[in-house]
ModelCIF file with pLDDT and N, C-alpha, C, O atoms, coordinates in Angstrom:
data_MODEL
#
_entry.id   MODEL 
#
_entity.id                         1 
_entity.type                       polymer 
_entity.pdbx_number_of_molecules   1 
#
_entity_poly.entity_id                      1 
_entity_poly.type                           'polypeptide(L)' 
_entity_poly.nstd_linkage                   no 
_entity_poly.nstd_monomer                   no 
_entity_poly.pdbx_seq_one_letter_code       LFASVVERFAAGVRVVEQTAPGLVEQIEAGDLDGPVTRGIVDRALRP 
_entity_poly.pdbx_seq_one_letter_code_can   LFASVVERFAAGVRVVEQTAPGLVEQIEAGDLDGPVTRGIVDRALRP 
_entity_poly.pdbx_strand_id                 A 
#
loop_
_entity_poly_seq.entity_id 
_entity_poly_seq.num 
_entity_poly_seq.mon_id 
_entity_poly_seq.hetero 
1 1  LEU n 
1 2  PHE n 
1 3  ALA n 
1 4  SER n 
1 5  VAL n 
1 6  VAL n 
1 7  GLU n 
1 8  ARG n 
1 9  PHE n 
1 10 ALA n 
1 11 ALA n 
1 12 GLY n 
1 13 VAL n 
1 14 ARG n 
1 15 VAL n 
1 16 VAL n 
1 17 GLU n 
1 18 GLN n 
1 19 THR n 
1 20 ALA n 
1 21 PRO n 
1 22 GLY n 
1 23 LEU n 
1 24 VAL n 
1 25 GLU n 
1 26 GLN n 
1 27 ILE n 
1 28 GLU n 
1 29 ALA n 
1 30 GLY n 
1 31 ASP n 
1 32 LEU n 
1 33 ASP n 
1 34 GLY n 
1 35 PRO n 
1 36 VAL n 
1 37 THR n 
1 38 ARG n 
1 39 GLY n 
1 40 ILE n 
1 41 VAL n 
1 42 ASP n 
1 43 ARG n 
1 44 ALA n 
1 45 LEU n 
1 46 ARG n 
1 47 PRO n 
#
_struct_asym.id          A 
_struct_asym.entity_id   1 
#
loop_
_ma_qa_metric.id 
_ma_qa_metric.mode 
_ma_qa_metric.name 
_ma_qa_metric.software_group_id 
_ma_qa_metric.type 
1 global pLDDT . pLDDT 
2 local  pLDDT . pLDDT 
#
_ma_qa_metric_global.metric_id      1 
_ma_qa_metric_global.metric_value   95.19 
_ma_qa_metric_global.model_id       1 
_ma_qa_metric_global.ordinal_id     1 
#
loop_
_ma_qa_metric_local.label_asym_id 
_ma_qa_metric_local.label_comp_id 
_ma_qa_metric_local.label_seq_id 
_ma_qa_metric_local.metric_id 
_ma_qa_metric_local.metric_value 
_ma_qa_metric_local.model_id 
_ma_qa_metric_local.ordinal_id 
A LEU 1  2 85.00 1 1  
A PHE 2  2 90.00 1 2  
A ALA 3  2 89.00 1 3  
A SER 4  2 91.00 1 4  
A VAL 5  2 92.00 1 5  
A VAL 6  2 93.00 1 6  
A GLU 7  2 93.00 1 7  
A ARG 8  2 94.00 1 8  
A PHE 9  2 93.00 1 9  
A ALA 10 2 93.00 1 10 
A ALA 11 2 90.00 1 11 
A GLY 12 2 91.00 1 12 
A VAL 13 2 96.00 1 13 
A ARG 14 2 97.00 1 14 
A VAL 15 2 97.00 1 15 
A VAL 16 2 97.00 1 16 
A GLU 17 2 97.00 1 17 
A GLN 18 2 97.00 1 18 
A THR 19 2 96.00 1 19 
A ALA 20 2 96.00 1 20 
A PRO 21 2 95.00 1 21 
A GLY 22 2 96.00 1 22 
A LEU 23 2 96.00 1 23 
A VAL 24 2 94.00 1 24 
A GLU 25 2 95.00 1 25 
A GLN 26 2 96.00 1 26 
A ILE 27 2 96.00 1 27 
A GLU 28 2 94.00 1 28 
A ALA 29 2 93.00 1 29 
A GLY 30 2 93.00 1 30 
A ASP 31 2 96.00 1 31 
A LEU 32 2 96.00 1 32 
A ASP 33 2 96.00 1 33 
A GLY 34 2 97.00 1 34 
A PRO 35 2 98.00 1 35 
A VAL 36 2 98.00 1 36 
A THR 37 2 98.00 1 37 
A ARG 38 2 98.00 1 38 
A GLY 39 2 98.00 1 39 
A ILE 40 2 98.00 1 40 
A VAL 41 2 98.00 1 41 
A ASP 42 2 98.00 1 42 
A ARG 43 2 98.00 1 43 
A ALA 44 2 98.00 1 44 
A LEU 45 2 98.00 1 45 
A ARG 46 2 98.00 1 46 
A PRO 47 2 98.00 1 47 
#
loop_
_atom_site.group_PDB 
_atom_site.id 
_atom_site.type_symbol 
_atom_site.label_atom_id 
_atom_site.label_alt_id 
_atom_site.label_comp_id 
_atom_site.label_asym_id 
_atom_site.label_entity_id 
_atom_site.label_seq_id 
_atom_site.pdbx_PDB_ins_code 
_atom_site.Cartn_x 
_atom_site.Cartn_y 
_atom_site.Cartn_z 
_atom_site.occupancy 
_atom_site.B_iso_or_equiv 
_atom_site.pdbx_formal_charge 
_atom_site.auth_seq_id 
_atom_site.auth_comp_id 
_atom_site.auth_asym_id 
_atom_site.auth_atom_id 
_atom_site.pdbx_PDB_model_num 
ATOM 1   N N  . LEU A 1 1  ? -70.970 -195.941 167.392 1.00 85.00 ? 1  LEU A N  1 
ATOM 2   C CA . LEU A 1 1  ? -72.180 -195.142 167.468 1.00 85.00 ? 1  LEU A CA 1 
ATOM 3   C C  . LEU A 1 1  ? -73.126 -195.454 166.325 1.00 85.00 ? 1  LEU A C  1 
ATOM 4   O O  . LEU A 1 1  ? -74.326 -195.619 166.542 1.00 85.00 ? 1  LEU A O  1 
ATOM 5   N N  . PHE A 1 2  ? -72.607 -195.537 165.118 1.00 90.00 ? 2  PHE A N  1 
ATOM 6   C CA . PHE A 1 2  ? -73.458 -195.810 163.963 1.00 90.00 ? 2  PHE A CA 1 
ATOM 7   C C  . PHE A 1 2  ? -74.084 -197.196 164.073 1.00 90.00 ? 2  PHE A C  1 
ATOM 8   O O  . PHE A 1 2  ? -75.280 -197.362 163.830 1.00 90.00 ? 2  PHE A O  1 
ATOM 9   N N  . ALA A 1 3  ? -73.283 -198.185 164.435 1.00 89.00 ? 3  ALA A N  1 
ATOM 10  C CA . ALA A 1 3  ? -73.800 -199.553 164.584 1.00 89.00 ? 3  ALA A CA 1 
ATOM 11  C C  . ALA A 1 3  ? -74.901 -199.595 165.640 1.00 89.00 ? 3  ALA A C  1 
ATOM 12  O O  . ALA A 1 3  ? -75.902 -200.292 165.474 1.00 89.00 ? 3  ALA A O  1 
ATOM 13  N N  . SER A 1 4  ? -74.711 -198.846 166.725 1.00 91.00 ? 4  SER A N  1 
ATOM 14  C CA . SER A 1 4  ? -75.707 -198.812 167.790 1.00 91.00 ? 4  SER A CA 1 
ATOM 15  C C  . SER A 1 4  ? -77.010 -198.182 167.319 1.00 91.00 ? 4  SER A C  1 
ATOM 16  O O  . SER A 1 4  ? -78.091 -198.671 167.646 1.00 91.00 ? 4  SER A O  1 
ATOM 17  N N  . VAL A 1 5  ? -76.913 -197.102 166.555 1.00 92.00 ? 5  VAL A N  1 
ATOM 18  C CA . VAL A 1 5  ? -78.104 -196.418 166.058 1.00 92.00 ? 5  VAL A CA 1 
ATOM 19  C C  . VAL A 1 5  ? -78.891 -197.333 165.117 1.00 92.00 ? 5  VAL A C  1 
ATOM 20  O O  . VAL A 1 5  ? -80.117 -197.404 165.199 1.00 92.00 ? 5  VAL A O  1 
ATOM 21  N N  . VAL A 1 6  ? -78.193 -198.024 164.235 1.00 93.00 ? 6  VAL A N  1 
ATOM 22  C CA . VAL A 1 6  ? -78.859 -198.943 163.306 1.00 93.00 ? 6  VAL A CA 1 
ATOM 23  C C  . VAL A 1 6  ? -79.551 -200.065 164.075 1.00 93.00 ? 6  VAL A C  1 
ATOM 24  O O  . VAL A 1 6  ? -80.690 -200.422 163.776 1.00 93.00 ? 6  VAL A O  1 
ATOM 25  N N  . GLU A 1 7  ? -78.863 -200.610 165.053 1.00 93.00 ? 7  GLU A N  1 
ATOM 26  C CA . GLU A 1 7  ? -79.428 -201.707 165.842 1.00 93.00 ? 7  GLU A CA 1 
ATOM 27  C C  . GLU A 1 7  ? -80.685 -201.265 166.593 1.00 93.00 ? 7  GLU A C  1 
ATOM 28  O O  . GLU A 1 7  ? -81.661 -202.010 166.677 1.00 93.00 ? 7  GLU A O  1 
ATOM 29  N N  . ARG A 1 8  ? -80.651 -200.037 167.141 1.00 94.00 ? 8  ARG A N  1 
ATOM 30  C CA . ARG A 1 8  ? -81.768 -199.567 167.954 1.00 94.00 ? 8  ARG A CA 1 
ATOM 31  C C  . ARG A 1 8  ? -82.976 -199.125 167.131 1.00 94.00 ? 8  ARG A C  1 
ATOM 32  O O  . ARG A 1 8  ? -84.118 -199.335 167.539 1.00 94.00 ? 8  ARG A O  1 
ATOM 33  N N  . PHE A 1 9  ? -82.723 -198.509 165.966 1.00 93.00 ? 9  PHE A N  1 
ATOM 34  C CA . PHE A 1 9  ? -83.808 -197.810 165.288 1.00 93.00 ? 9  PHE A CA 1 
ATOM 35  C C  . PHE A 1 9  ? -84.159 -198.320 163.896 1.00 93.00 ? 9  PHE A C  1 
ATOM 36  O O  . PHE A 1 9  ? -85.126 -197.844 163.300 1.00 93.00 ? 9  PHE A O  1 
ATOM 37  N N  . ALA A 1 10 ? -83.410 -199.263 163.370 1.00 93.00 ? 10 ALA A N  1 
ATOM 38  C CA . ALA A 1 10 ? -83.640 -199.666 161.979 1.00 93.00 ? 10 ALA A CA 1 
ATOM 39  C C  . ALA A 1 10 ? -84.185 -201.086 161.851 1.00 93.00 ? 10 ALA A C  1 
ATOM 40  O O  . ALA A 1 10 ? -83.978 -201.737 160.826 1.00 93.00 ? 10 ALA A O  1 
ATOM 41  N N  . ALA A 1 11 ? -84.868 -201.566 162.866 1.00 90.00 ? 11 ALA A N  1 
ATOM 42  C CA . ALA A 1 11 ? -85.459 -202.907 162.781 1.00 90.00 ? 11 ALA A CA 1 
ATOM 43  C C  . ALA A 1 11 ? -86.476 -202.952 161.634 1.00 90.00 ? 11 ALA A C  1 
ATOM 44  O O  . ALA A 1 11 ? -87.362 -202.102 161.543 1.00 90.00 ? 11 ALA A O  1 
ATOM 45  N N  . GLY A 1 12 ? -86.336 -203.938 160.780 1.00 91.00 ? 12 GLY A N  1 
ATOM 46  C CA . GLY A 1 12 ? -87.253 -204.082 159.658 1.00 91.00 ? 12 GLY A CA 1 
ATOM 47  C C  . GLY A 1 12 ? -86.968 -203.168 158.488 1.00 91.00 ? 12 GLY A C  1 
ATOM 48  O O  . GLY A 1 12 ? -87.716 -203.151 157.510 1.00 91.00 ? 12 GLY A O  1 
ATOM 49  N N  . VAL A 1 13 ? -85.882 -202.402 158.584 1.00 96.00 ? 13 VAL A N  1 
ATOM 50  C CA . VAL A 1 13 ? -85.502 -201.474 157.513 1.00 96.00 ? 13 VAL A CA 1 
ATOM 51  C C  . VAL A 1 13 ? -84.101 -201.823 157.031 1.00 96.00 ? 13 VAL A C  1 
ATOM 52  O O  . VAL A 1 13 ? -83.229 -202.145 157.838 1.00 96.00 ? 13 VAL A O  1 
ATOM 53  N N  . ARG A 1 14 ? -83.881 -201.763 155.739 1.00 97.00 ? 14 ARG A N  1 
ATOM 54  C CA . ARG A 1 14 ? -82.539 -201.999 155.204 1.00 97.00 ? 14 ARG A CA 1 
ATOM 55  C C  . ARG A 1 14 ? -81.802 -200.670 155.114 1.00 97.00 ? 14 ARG A C  1 
ATOM 56  O O  . ARG A 1 14 ? -82.294 -199.711 154.518 1.00 97.00 ? 14 ARG A O  1 
ATOM 57  N N  . VAL A 1 15 ? -80.632 -200.628 155.706 1.00 97.00 ? 15 VAL A N  1 
ATOM 58  C CA . VAL A 1 15 ? -79.808 -199.415 155.711 1.00 97.00 ? 15 VAL A CA 1 
ATOM 59  C C  . VAL A 1 15 ? -78.646 -199.613 154.751 1.00 97.00 ? 15 VAL A C  1 
ATOM 60  O O  . VAL A 1 15 ? -77.856 -200.545 154.902 1.00 97.00 ? 15 VAL A O  1 
ATOM 61  N N  . VAL A 1 16 ? -78.550 -198.739 153.773 1.00 97.00 ? 16 VAL A N  1 
ATOM 62  C CA . VAL A 1 16 ? -77.495 -198.824 152.765 1.00 97.00 ? 16 VAL A CA 1 
ATOM 63  C C  . VAL A 1 16 ? -76.495 -197.702 153.011 1.00 97.00 ? 16 VAL A C  1 
ATOM 64  O O  . VAL A 1 16 ? -76.863 -196.527 153.035 1.00 97.00 ? 16 VAL A O  1 
ATOM 65  N N  . GLU A 1 17 ? -75.239 -198.067 153.191 1.00 97.00 ? 17 GLU A N  1 
ATOM 66  C CA . GLU A 1 17 ? -74.190 -197.095 153.490 1.00 97.00 ? 17 GLU A CA 1 
ATOM 67  C C  . GLU A 1 17 ? -73.505 -196.638 152.207 1.00 97.00 ? 17 GLU A C  1 
ATOM 68  O O  . GLU A 1 17 ? -73.286 -197.428 151.288 1.00 97.00 ? 17 GLU A O  1 
ATOM 69  N N  . GLN A 1 18 ? -73.170 -195.348 152.159 1.00 97.00 ? 18 GLN A N  1 
ATOM 70  C CA . GLN A 1 18 ? -72.496 -194.807 150.983 1.00 97.00 ? 18 GLN A CA 1 
ATOM 71  C C  . GLN A 1 18 ? -71.600 -193.638 151.370 1.00 97.00 ? 18 GLN A C  1 
ATOM 72  O O  . GLN A 1 18 ? -72.033 -192.723 152.070 1.00 97.00 ? 18 GLN A O  1 
ATOM 73  N N  . THR A 1 19 ? -70.361 -193.667 150.918 1.00 96.00 ? 19 THR A N  1 
ATOM 74  C CA . THR A 1 19 ? -69.458 -192.539 151.109 1.00 96.00 ? 19 THR A CA 1 
ATOM 75  C C  . THR A 1 19 ? -69.510 -191.625 149.882 1.00 96.00 ? 19 THR A C  1 
ATOM 76  O O  . THR A 1 19 ? -70.018 -192.003 148.827 1.00 96.00 ? 19 THR A O  1 
ATOM 77  N N  . ALA A 1 20 ? -68.974 -190.420 150.048 1.00 96.00 ? 20 ALA A N  1 
ATOM 78  C CA . ALA A 1 20 ? -68.946 -189.435 148.962 1.00 96.00 ? 20 ALA A CA 1 
ATOM 79  C C  . ALA A 1 20 ? -67.556 -188.813 148.917 1.00 96.00 ? 20 ALA A C  1 
ATOM 80  O O  . ALA A 1 20 ? -67.389 -187.653 149.293 1.00 96.00 ? 20 ALA A O  1 
ATOM 81  N N  . PRO A 1 21 ? -66.556 -189.567 148.461 1.00 95.00 ? 21 PRO A N  1 
ATOM 82  C CA . PRO A 1 21 ? -65.173 -189.063 148.480 1.00 95.00 ? 21 PRO A CA 1 
ATOM 83  C C  . PRO A 1 21 ? -65.034 -187.728 147.750 1.00 95.00 ? 21 PRO A C  1 
ATOM 84  O O  . PRO A 1 21 ? -65.499 -187.563 146.622 1.00 95.00 ? 21 PRO A O  1 
ATOM 85  N N  . GLY A 1 22 ? -64.383 -186.784 148.425 1.00 96.00 ? 22 GLY A N  1 
ATOM 86  C CA . GLY A 1 22 ? -64.132 -185.480 147.819 1.00 96.00 ? 22 GLY A CA 1 
ATOM 87  C C  . GLY A 1 22 ? -65.205 -184.441 148.079 1.00 96.00 ? 22 GLY A C  1 
ATOM 88  O O  . GLY A 1 22 ? -64.994 -183.262 147.795 1.00 96.00 ? 22 GLY A O  1 
ATOM 89  N N  . LEU A 1 23 ? -66.356 -184.846 148.616 1.00 96.00 ? 23 LEU A N  1 
ATOM 90  C CA . LEU A 1 23 ? -67.449 -183.880 148.773 1.00 96.00 ? 23 LEU A CA 1 
ATOM 91  C C  . LEU A 1 23 ? -67.142 -182.852 149.861 1.00 96.00 ? 23 LEU A C  1 
ATOM 92  O O  . LEU A 1 23 ? -67.435 -181.668 149.692 1.00 96.00 ? 23 LEU A O  1 
ATOM 93  N N  . VAL A 1 24 ? -66.559 -183.288 150.966 1.00 94.00 ? 24 VAL A N  1 
ATOM 94  C CA . VAL A 1 24 ? -66.214 -182.332 152.029 1.00 94.00 ? 24 VAL A CA 1 
ATOM 95  C C  . VAL A 1 24 ? -65.268 -181.262 151.485 1.00 94.00 ? 24 VAL A C  1 
ATOM 96  O O  . VAL A 1 24 ? -65.440 -180.074 151.758 1.00 94.00 ? 24 VAL A O  1 
ATOM 97  N N  . GLU A 1 25 ? -64.281 -181.689 150.723 1.00 95.00 ? 25 GLU A N  1 
ATOM 98  C CA . GLU A 1 25 ? -63.307 -180.729 150.185 1.00 95.00 ? 25 GLU A CA 1 
ATOM 99  C C  . GLU A 1 25 ? -63.980 -179.725 149.249 1.00 95.00 ? 25 GLU A C  1 
ATOM 100 O O  . GLU A 1 25 ? -63.635 -178.543 149.265 1.00 95.00 ? 25 GLU A O  1 
ATOM 101 N N  . GLN A 1 26 ? -64.931 -180.178 148.437 1.00 96.00 ? 26 GLN A N  1 
ATOM 102 C CA . GLN A 1 26 ? -65.642 -179.262 147.540 1.00 96.00 ? 26 GLN A CA 1 
ATOM 103 C C  . GLN A 1 26 ? -66.466 -178.247 148.333 1.00 96.00 ? 26 GLN A C  1 
ATOM 104 O O  . GLN A 1 26 ? -66.508 -177.067 147.984 1.00 96.00 ? 26 GLN A O  1 
ATOM 105 N N  . ILE A 1 27 ? -67.112 -178.706 149.390 1.00 96.00 ? 27 ILE A N  1 
ATOM 106 C CA . ILE A 1 27 ? -67.918 -177.808 150.208 1.00 96.00 ? 27 ILE A CA 1 
ATOM 107 C C  . ILE A 1 27 ? -67.024 -176.813 150.937 1.00 96.00 ? 27 ILE A C  1 
ATOM 108 O O  . ILE A 1 27 ? -67.353 -175.630 151.028 1.00 96.00 ? 27 ILE A O  1 
ATOM 109 N N  . GLU A 1 28 ? -65.902 -177.287 151.454 1.00 94.00 ? 28 GLU A N  1 
ATOM 110 C CA . GLU A 1 28 ? -64.943 -176.377 152.102 1.00 94.00 ? 28 GLU A CA 1 
ATOM 111 C C  . GLU A 1 28 ? -64.520 -175.267 151.151 1.00 94.00 ? 28 GLU A C  1 
ATOM 112 O O  . GLU A 1 28 ? -64.328 -174.122 151.558 1.00 94.00 ? 28 GLU A O  1 
ATOM 113 N N  . ALA A 1 29 ? -64.375 -175.624 149.874 1.00 93.00 ? 29 ALA A N  1 
ATOM 114 C CA . ALA A 1 29 ? -63.944 -174.648 148.866 1.00 93.00 ? 29 ALA A CA 1 
ATOM 115 C C  . ALA A 1 29 ? -65.080 -173.730 148.433 1.00 93.00 ? 29 ALA A C  1 
ATOM 116 O O  . ALA A 1 29 ? -64.868 -172.809 147.645 1.00 93.00 ? 29 ALA A O  1 
ATOM 117 N N  . GLY A 1 30 ? -66.292 -173.977 148.947 1.00 93.00 ? 30 GLY A N  1 
ATOM 118 C CA . GLY A 1 30 ? -67.429 -173.137 148.590 1.00 93.00 ? 30 GLY A CA 1 
ATOM 119 C C  . GLY A 1 30 ? -68.114 -173.532 147.302 1.00 93.00 ? 30 GLY A C  1 
ATOM 120 O O  . GLY A 1 30 ? -68.977 -172.804 146.813 1.00 93.00 ? 30 GLY A O  1 
ATOM 121 N N  . ASP A 1 31 ? -67.744 -174.676 146.740 1.00 96.00 ? 31 ASP A N  1 
ATOM 122 C CA . ASP A 1 31 ? -68.353 -175.145 145.485 1.00 96.00 ? 31 ASP A CA 1 
ATOM 123 C C  . ASP A 1 31 ? -69.517 -176.065 145.839 1.00 96.00 ? 31 ASP A C  1 
ATOM 124 O O  . ASP A 1 31 ? -69.314 -177.247 146.115 1.00 96.00 ? 31 ASP A O  1 
ATOM 125 N N  . LEU A 1 32 ? -70.733 -175.526 145.832 1.00 96.00 ? 32 LEU A N  1 
ATOM 126 C CA . LEU A 1 32 ? -71.913 -176.281 146.257 1.00 96.00 ? 32 LEU A CA 1 
ATOM 127 C C  . LEU A 1 32 ? -72.744 -176.791 145.088 1.00 96.00 ? 32 LEU A C  1 
ATOM 128 O O  . LEU A 1 32 ? -73.698 -177.543 145.286 1.00 96.00 ? 32 LEU A O  1 
ATOM 129 N N  . ASP A 1 33 ? -72.386 -176.388 143.865 1.00 96.00 ? 33 ASP A N  1 
ATOM 130 C CA . ASP A 1 33 ? -73.253 -176.769 142.745 1.00 96.00 ? 33 ASP A CA 1 
ATOM 131 C C  . ASP A 1 33 ? -72.496 -176.875 141.426 1.00 96.00 ? 33 ASP A C  1 
ATOM 132 O O  . ASP A 1 33 ? -73.110 -176.960 140.362 1.00 96.00 ? 33 ASP A O  1 
ATOM 133 N N  . GLY A 1 34 ? -71.157 -176.872 141.490 1.00 97.00 ? 34 GLY A N  1 
ATOM 134 C CA . GLY A 1 34 ? -70.369 -176.937 140.265 1.00 97.00 ? 34 GLY A CA 1 
ATOM 135 C C  . GLY A 1 34 ? -70.334 -178.341 139.674 1.00 97.00 ? 34 GLY A C  1 
ATOM 136 O O  . GLY A 1 34 ? -70.834 -179.283 140.289 1.00 97.00 ? 34 GLY A O  1 
ATOM 137 N N  . PRO A 1 35 ? -69.751 -178.489 138.493 1.00 98.00 ? 35 PRO A N  1 
ATOM 138 C CA . PRO A 1 35 ? -69.724 -179.794 137.820 1.00 98.00 ? 35 PRO A CA 1 
ATOM 139 C C  . PRO A 1 35 ? -69.047 -180.889 138.643 1.00 98.00 ? 35 PRO A C  1 
ATOM 140 O O  . PRO A 1 35 ? -69.529 -182.021 138.682 1.00 98.00 ? 35 PRO A O  1 
ATOM 141 N N  . VAL A 1 36 ? -67.941 -180.560 139.295 1.00 98.00 ? 36 VAL A N  1 
ATOM 142 C CA . VAL A 1 36 ? -67.249 -181.578 140.092 1.00 98.00 ? 36 VAL A CA 1 
ATOM 143 C C  . VAL A 1 36 ? -68.114 -182.021 141.263 1.00 98.00 ? 36 VAL A C  1 
ATOM 144 O O  . VAL A 1 36 ? -68.243 -183.216 141.531 1.00 98.00 ? 36 VAL A O  1 
ATOM 145 N N  . THR A 1 37 ? -68.700 -181.061 141.953 1.00 98.00 ? 37 THR A N  1 
ATOM 146 C CA . THR A 1 37 ? -69.561 -181.374 143.096 1.00 98.00 ? 37 THR A CA 1 
ATOM 147 C C  . THR A 1 37 ? -70.775 -182.173 142.657 1.00 98.00 ? 37 THR A C  1 
ATOM 148 O O  . THR A 1 37 ? -71.162 -183.138 143.316 1.00 98.00 ? 37 THR A O  1 
ATOM 149 N N  . ARG A 1 38 ? -71.374 -181.773 141.548 1.00 98.00 ? 38 ARG A N  1 
ATOM 150 C CA . ARG A 1 38 ? -72.537 -182.502 141.038 1.00 98.00 ? 38 ARG A CA 1 
ATOM 151 C C  . ARG A 1 38 ? -72.169 -183.943 140.701 1.00 98.00 ? 38 ARG A C  1 
ATOM 152 O O  . ARG A 1 38 ? -72.942 -184.867 140.953 1.00 98.00 ? 38 ARG A O  1 
ATOM 153 N N  . GLY A 1 39 ? -70.994 -184.120 140.137 1.00 98.00 ? 39 GLY A N  1 
ATOM 154 C CA . GLY A 1 39 ? -70.557 -185.478 139.796 1.00 98.00 ? 39 GLY A CA 1 
ATOM 155 C C  . GLY A 1 39 ? -70.374 -186.341 141.028 1.00 98.00 ? 39 GLY A C  1 
ATOM 156 O O  . GLY A 1 39 ? -70.766 -187.508 141.034 1.00 98.00 ? 39 GLY A O  1 
ATOM 157 N N  . ILE A 1 40 ? -69.772 -185.770 142.089 1.00 98.00 ? 40 ILE A N  1 
ATOM 158 C CA . ILE A 1 40 ? -69.555 -186.519 143.335 1.00 98.00 ? 40 ILE A CA 1 
ATOM 159 C C  . ILE A 1 40 ? -70.897 -186.922 143.946 1.00 98.00 ? 40 ILE A C  1 
ATOM 160 O O  . ILE A 1 40 ? -71.086 -188.071 144.346 1.00 98.00 ? 40 ILE A O  1 
ATOM 161 N N  . VAL A 1 41 ? -71.823 -185.970 144.015 1.00 98.00 ? 41 VAL A N  1 
ATOM 162 C CA . VAL A 1 41 ? -73.126 -186.252 144.618 1.00 98.00 ? 41 VAL A CA 1 
ATOM 163 C C  . VAL A 1 41 ? -73.893 -187.272 143.789 1.00 98.00 ? 41 VAL A C  1 
ATOM 164 O O  . VAL A 1 41 ? -74.522 -188.175 144.341 1.00 98.00 ? 41 VAL A O  1 
ATOM 165 N N  . ASP A 1 42 ? -73.845 -187.136 142.485 1.00 98.00 ? 42 ASP A N  1 
ATOM 166 C CA . ASP A 1 42 ? -74.551 -188.076 141.607 1.00 98.00 ? 42 ASP A CA 1 
ATOM 167 C C  . ASP A 1 42 ? -74.014 -189.499 141.784 1.00 98.00 ? 42 ASP A C  1 
ATOM 168 O O  . ASP A 1 42 ? -74.787 -190.453 141.873 1.00 98.00 ? 42 ASP A O  1 
ATOM 169 N N  . ARG A 1 43 ? -72.702 -189.633 141.833 1.00 98.00 ? 43 ARG A N  1 
ATOM 170 C CA . ARG A 1 43 ? -72.109 -190.970 142.006 1.00 98.00 ? 43 ARG A CA 1 
ATOM 171 C C  . ARG A 1 43 ? -72.444 -191.565 143.372 1.00 98.00 ? 43 ARG A C  1 
ATOM 172 O O  . ARG A 1 43 ? -72.598 -192.779 143.506 1.00 98.00 ? 43 ARG A O  1 
ATOM 173 N N  . ALA A 1 44 ? -72.556 -190.710 144.377 1.00 98.00 ? 44 ALA A N  1 
ATOM 174 C CA . ALA A 1 44 ? -72.897 -191.201 145.713 1.00 98.00 ? 44 ALA A CA 1 
ATOM 175 C C  . ALA A 1 44 ? -74.364 -191.612 145.812 1.00 98.00 ? 44 ALA A C  1 
ATOM 176 O O  . ALA A 1 44 ? -74.687 -192.603 146.466 1.00 98.00 ? 44 ALA A O  1 
ATOM 177 N N  . LEU A 1 45 ? -75.247 -190.859 145.169 1.00 98.00 ? 45 LEU A N  1 
ATOM 178 C CA . LEU A 1 45 ? -76.669 -191.138 145.264 1.00 98.00 ? 45 LEU A CA 1 
ATOM 179 C C  . LEU A 1 45 ? -77.104 -192.338 144.422 1.00 98.00 ? 45 LEU A C  1 
ATOM 180 O O  . LEU A 1 45 ? -78.015 -193.074 144.800 1.00 98.00 ? 45 LEU A O  1 
ATOM 181 N N  . ARG A 1 46 ? -76.451 -192.522 143.291 1.00 98.00 ? 46 ARG A N  1 
ATOM 182 C CA . ARG A 1 46 ? -76.938 -193.511 142.335 1.00 98.00 ? 46 ARG A CA 1 
ATOM 183 C C  . ARG A 1 46 ? -77.126 -194.904 142.939 1.00 98.00 ? 46 ARG A C  1 
ATOM 184 O O  . ARG A 1 46 ? -78.191 -195.493 142.755 1.00 98.00 ? 46 ARG A O  1 
ATOM 185 N N  . PRO A 1 47 ? -76.134 -195.459 143.657 1.00 98.00 ? 47 PRO A N  1 
ATOM 186 C CA . PRO A 1 47 ? -76.351 -196.797 144.222 1.00 98.00 ? 47 PRO A CA 1 
ATOM 187 C C  . PRO A 1 47 ? -77.451 -196.839 145.277 1.00 98.00 ? 47 PRO A C  1 
ATOM 188 O O  . PRO A 1 47 ? -77.735 -197.900 145.832 1.00 98.00 ? 47 PRO A O  1 
#
């Protein structure tokens, strides 16, 4: 599905993929803005 979406809609655009290990678990725990969550999001966004 993801490959199909990129092929159909991202012509002329570079798509950069990034995972955020541990973020789902932090959100499940209700931690939306704590130091651990901020660190995960920061590391995912930086590249």
